[in-house]
Amino acid sequence: QLQLVESGGGLVHPGGSLRLSCVASGDSLHYFAIGWFRQAPGKEREGVSCIDSNSGSINYADSVKGRFTISRDNAKNTVYLQMNSLKPEDTAVYYCVAGEIPELYNEDEYDYWGQGTQVTVSS
């Protein structure tokens, strides 16, 4: 099994920045995709960004392109989400996810989910 633990959420002003971290651990660290989903109040979960663990290719949701950057440190089994120029609409619980297909459109493709970390962007 794989465990994912997110951290780094908090309250920031519009235009501010946060960096989320996700540490993977467990008996098996085999996965093909790792990334981030988020869920805002009253909305469905949406994919934010993911990495193809084999090729290193990266996908971003249109809503975060140019503002968010996903990266990983394989030696530390950690994936990061650097979030800049934050907007109120970025307010959500952010979940680290891992699975077999690196895509952002179907949450069912991801077998492993972290507990979530709250990001609030407000004046």
C-alpha atoms as a PDB file:
ATOM      1  CA  GLN A   1       0.000   0.000   0.000  1.00  0.00           C
ATOM      2  CA  LEU A   2       0.937   3.594  -0.539  1.00  0.00           C
ATOM      3  CA  GLN A   3       0.362   6.408   1.913  1.00  0.00           C
ATOM      4  CA  LEU A   4       0.321  10.048   0.890  1.00  0.00           C
ATOM      5  CA  VAL A   5       0.602  12.900   3.367  1.00  0.00           C
ATOM      6  CA  GLU A   6       0.100  16.500   2.281  1.00  0.00           C
ATOM      7  CA  SER A   7       1.249  19.603   4.066  1.00  0.00           C
ATOM      8  CA  GLY A   8       1.752  23.282   3.399  1.00  0.00           C
ATOM      9  CA  GLY A   9      -1.769  24.610   3.177  1.00  0.00           C
ATOM     10  CA  GLY A  10      -2.865  27.763   4.889  1.00  0.00           C
ATOM     11  CA  LEU A  11      -4.414  31.192   4.554  1.00  0.00           C
ATOM     12  CA  VAL A  12      -2.909  33.656   2.088  1.00  0.00           C
ATOM     13  CA  HIS A  13      -3.913  36.923   0.468  1.00  0.00           C
ATOM     14  CA  PRO A  14      -4.744  37.094  -3.226  1.00  0.00           C
ATOM     15  CA  GLY A  15      -1.519  37.254  -5.179  1.00  0.00           C
ATOM     16  CA  GLY A  16       0.361  35.336  -2.537  1.00  0.00           C
ATOM     17  CA  SER A  17       2.140  32.011  -2.750  1.00  0.00           C
ATOM     18  CA  LEU A  18       2.149  28.647  -1.054  1.00  0.00           C
ATOM     19  CA  ARG A  19       4.074  25.458  -1.598  1.00  0.00           C
ATOM     20  CA  LEU A  20       2.338  22.175  -0.925  1.00  0.00           C
ATOM     21  CA  SER A  21       4.286  19.014  -0.219  1.00  0.00           C
ATOM     22  CA  CYS A  22       3.265  15.389  -0.486  1.00  0.00           C
ATOM     23  CA  VAL A  23       5.360  12.612   0.993  1.00  0.00           C
ATOM     24  CA  ALA A  24       4.769   9.079  -0.247  1.00  0.00           C
ATOM     25  CA  SER A  25       5.524   6.075   1.924  1.00  0.00           C
ATOM     26  CA  GLY A  26       4.509   2.462   2.407  1.00  0.00           C
ATOM     27  CA  ASP A  27       5.337  -1.082   1.454  1.00  0.00           C
ATOM     28  CA  SER A  28       5.219  -0.231  -2.219  1.00  0.00           C
ATOM     29  CA  LEU A  29       6.175   2.980  -3.949  1.00  0.00           C
ATOM     30  CA  HIS A  30       5.168   1.722  -7.371  1.00  0.00           C
ATOM     31  CA  TYR A  31       2.987   4.176  -9.209  1.00  0.00           C
ATOM     32  CA  PHE A  32       2.857   5.665 -12.656  1.00  0.00           C
ATOM     33  CA  ALA A  33       1.237   8.990 -11.935  1.00  0.00           C
ATOM     34  CA  ILE A  34       1.345  11.381  -9.019  1.00  0.00           C
ATOM     35  CA  GLY A  35      -0.213  14.776  -8.708  1.00  0.00           C
ATOM     36  CA  TRP A  36      -2.855  16.982  -7.187  1.00  0.00           C
ATOM     37  CA  PHE A  37      -6.621  17.323  -7.197  1.00  0.00           C
ATOM     38  CA  ARG A  38      -8.634  19.933  -5.376  1.00  0.00           C
ATOM     39  CA  GLN A  39     -12.185  20.385  -4.207  1.00  0.00           C
ATOM     40  CA  ALA A  40     -13.790  23.721  -3.500  1.00  0.00           C
ATOM     41  CA  PRO A  41     -16.974  24.030  -1.437  1.00  0.00           C
ATOM     42  CA  GLY A  42     -19.999  23.044  -3.478  1.00  0.00           C
ATOM     43  CA  LYS A  43     -17.932  21.846  -6.419  1.00  0.00           C
ATOM     44  CA  GLU A  44     -16.686  18.533  -7.711  1.00  0.00           C
ATOM     45  CA  ARG A  45     -13.089  17.568  -7.359  1.00  0.00           C
ATOM     46  CA  GLU A  46     -10.931  18.697 -10.238  1.00  0.00           C
ATOM     47  CA  GLY A  47      -7.486  17.766 -11.391  1.00  0.00           C
ATOM     48  CA  VAL A  48      -4.838  20.413 -10.878  1.00  0.00           C
ATOM     49  CA  SER A  49      -1.563  18.905 -12.038  1.00  0.00           C
ATOM     50  CA  CYS A  50       0.125  15.550 -12.433  1.00  0.00           C
ATOM     51  CA  ILE A  51       3.426  13.976 -13.402  1.00  0.00           C
ATOM     52  CA  ASP A  52       3.996  10.878 -15.470  1.00  0.00           C
ATOM     53  CA  SER A  53       6.348   9.048 -13.152  1.00  0.00           C
ATOM     54  CA  ASN A  54       8.108   7.273 -15.995  1.00  0.00           C
ATOM     55  CA  SER A  55       8.582  10.027 -18.526  1.00  0.00           C
ATOM     56  CA  GLY A  56       8.441  13.049 -16.255  1.00  0.00           C
ATOM     57  CA  SER A  57       5.871  14.721 -18.459  1.00  0.00           C
ATOM     58  CA  ILE A  58       3.570  17.162 -16.711  1.00  0.00           C
ATOM     59  CA  ASN A  59      -0.046  18.209 -17.142  1.00  0.00           C
ATOM     60  CA  TYR A  60      -1.740  21.294 -15.736  1.00  0.00           C
ATOM     61  CA  ALA A  61      -5.324  22.356 -15.582  1.00  0.00           C
ATOM     62  CA  ASP A  62      -5.969  25.416 -17.708  1.00  0.00           C
ATOM     63  CA  SER A  63      -7.026  27.334 -14.625  1.00  0.00           C
ATOM     64  CA  VAL A  64      -3.567  27.090 -13.061  1.00  0.00           C
ATOM     65  CA  LYS A  65      -1.225  27.193 -16.044  1.00  0.00           C
ATOM     66  CA  GLY A  66       1.432  29.823 -15.614  1.00  0.00           C
ATOM     67  CA  ARG A  67       0.795  30.087 -11.889  1.00  0.00           C
ATOM     68  CA  PHE A  68       1.341  26.619 -10.441  1.00  0.00           C
ATOM     69  CA  THR A  69       4.388  24.407 -10.813  1.00  0.00           C
ATOM     70  CA  ILE A  70       4.565  20.735  -9.941  1.00  0.00           C
ATOM     71  CA  SER A  71       7.878  19.092  -9.176  1.00  0.00           C
ATOM     72  CA  ARG A  72       9.238  16.017  -7.476  1.00  0.00           C
ATOM     73  CA  ASP A  73      12.205  14.840  -5.505  1.00  0.00           C
ATOM     74  CA  ASN A  74      12.445  11.123  -6.091  1.00  0.00           C
ATOM     75  CA  ALA A  75      15.139  10.658  -3.467  1.00  0.00           C
ATOM     76  CA  LYS A  76      12.725  12.007  -0.859  1.00  0.00           C
ATOM     77  CA  ASN A  77       9.599  10.404  -2.360  1.00  0.00           C
ATOM     78  CA  THR A  78       8.079  13.844  -2.357  1.00  0.00           C
ATOM     79  CA  VAL A  79       6.053  15.838  -4.843  1.00  0.00           C
ATOM     80  CA  TYR A  80       5.510  19.574  -4.556  1.00  0.00           C
ATOM     81  CA  LEU A  81       3.011  22.058  -5.846  1.00  0.00           C
ATOM     82  CA  GLN A  82       4.296  25.609  -5.935  1.00  0.00           C
ATOM     83  CA  MET A  83       1.324  27.947  -6.159  1.00  0.00           C
ATOM     84  CA  ASN A  84       1.927  31.560  -7.129  1.00  0.00           C
ATOM     85  CA  SER A  85      -0.402  34.438  -7.913  1.00  0.00           C
ATOM     86  CA  LEU A  86      -3.109  32.784  -5.890  1.00  0.00           C
ATOM     87  CA  LYS A  87      -6.713  33.757  -6.493  1.00  0.00           C
ATOM     88  CA  PRO A  88      -9.771  33.386  -4.271  1.00  0.00           C
ATOM     89  CA  GLU A  89     -11.057  30.744  -6.672  1.00  0.00           C
ATOM     90  CA  ASP A  90      -8.040  28.614  -5.779  1.00  0.00           C
ATOM     91  CA  THR A  91      -9.549  28.133  -2.340  1.00  0.00           C
ATOM     92  CA  ALA A  92     -10.052  24.403  -1.894  1.00  0.00           C
ATOM     93  CA  VAL A  93      -8.901  21.293  -0.155  1.00  0.00           C
ATOM     94  CA  TYR A  94      -5.923  20.019  -2.099  1.00  0.00           C
ATOM     95  CA  TYR A  95      -5.325  16.281  -2.331  1.00  0.00           C
ATOM     96  CA  CYS A  96      -2.183  14.496  -3.314  1.00  0.00           C
ATOM     97  CA  VAL A  97      -3.003  11.524  -5.536  1.00  0.00           C
ATOM     98  CA  ALA A  98      -1.166   8.585  -7.065  1.00  0.00           C
ATOM     99  CA  GLY A  99      -2.263   6.008  -9.578  1.00  0.00           C
ATOM    100  CA  GLU A 100      -1.625   4.371 -12.890  1.00  0.00           C
ATOM    101  CA  ILE A 101      -2.655   6.953 -15.472  1.00  0.00           C
ATOM    102  CA  PRO A 102      -1.318  10.511 -15.470  1.00  0.00           C
ATOM    103  CA  GLU A 103      -4.445  12.440 -16.302  1.00  0.00           C
ATOM    104  CA  LEU A 104      -6.563  15.155 -14.709  1.00  0.00           C
ATOM    105  CA  TYR A 105     -10.080  14.396 -15.868  1.00  0.00           C
ATOM    106  CA  ASN A 106     -11.103  11.303 -13.943  1.00  0.00           C
ATOM    107  CA  GLU A 107     -10.425  10.998 -10.250  1.00  0.00           C
ATOM    108  CA  ASP A 108     -11.193   7.282 -10.436  1.00  0.00           C
ATOM    109  CA  GLU A 109      -7.874   6.744 -12.188  1.00  0.00           C
ATOM    110  CA  TYR A 110      -6.123   7.401  -8.895  1.00  0.00           C
ATOM    111  CA  ASP A 111      -5.972   4.635  -6.327  1.00  0.00           C
ATOM    112  CA  TYR A 112      -4.255   6.524  -3.538  1.00  0.00           C
ATOM    113  CA  TRP A 113      -5.287   9.769  -1.927  1.00  0.00           C
ATOM    114  CA  GLY A 114      -3.886  11.872   0.845  1.00  0.00           C
ATOM    115  CA  GLN A 115      -6.012  13.363   3.585  1.00  0.00           C
ATOM    116  CA  GLY A 116      -6.057  16.804   2.008  1.00  0.00           C
ATOM    117  CA  THR A 117      -4.707  20.171   3.031  1.00  0.00           C
ATOM    118  CA  GLN A 118      -6.783  23.332   3.124  1.00  0.00           C
ATOM    119  CA  VAL A 119      -5.773  26.316   1.007  1.00  0.00           C
ATOM    120  CA  THR A 120      -7.693  29.521   1.598  1.00  0.00           C
ATOM    121  CA  VAL A 121      -7.081  32.634  -0.493  1.00  0.00           C
ATOM    122  CA  SER A 122      -8.831  35.638   0.964  1.00  0.00           C
ATOM    123  CA  SER A 123      -8.388  39.278   1.841  1.00  0.00           C
END
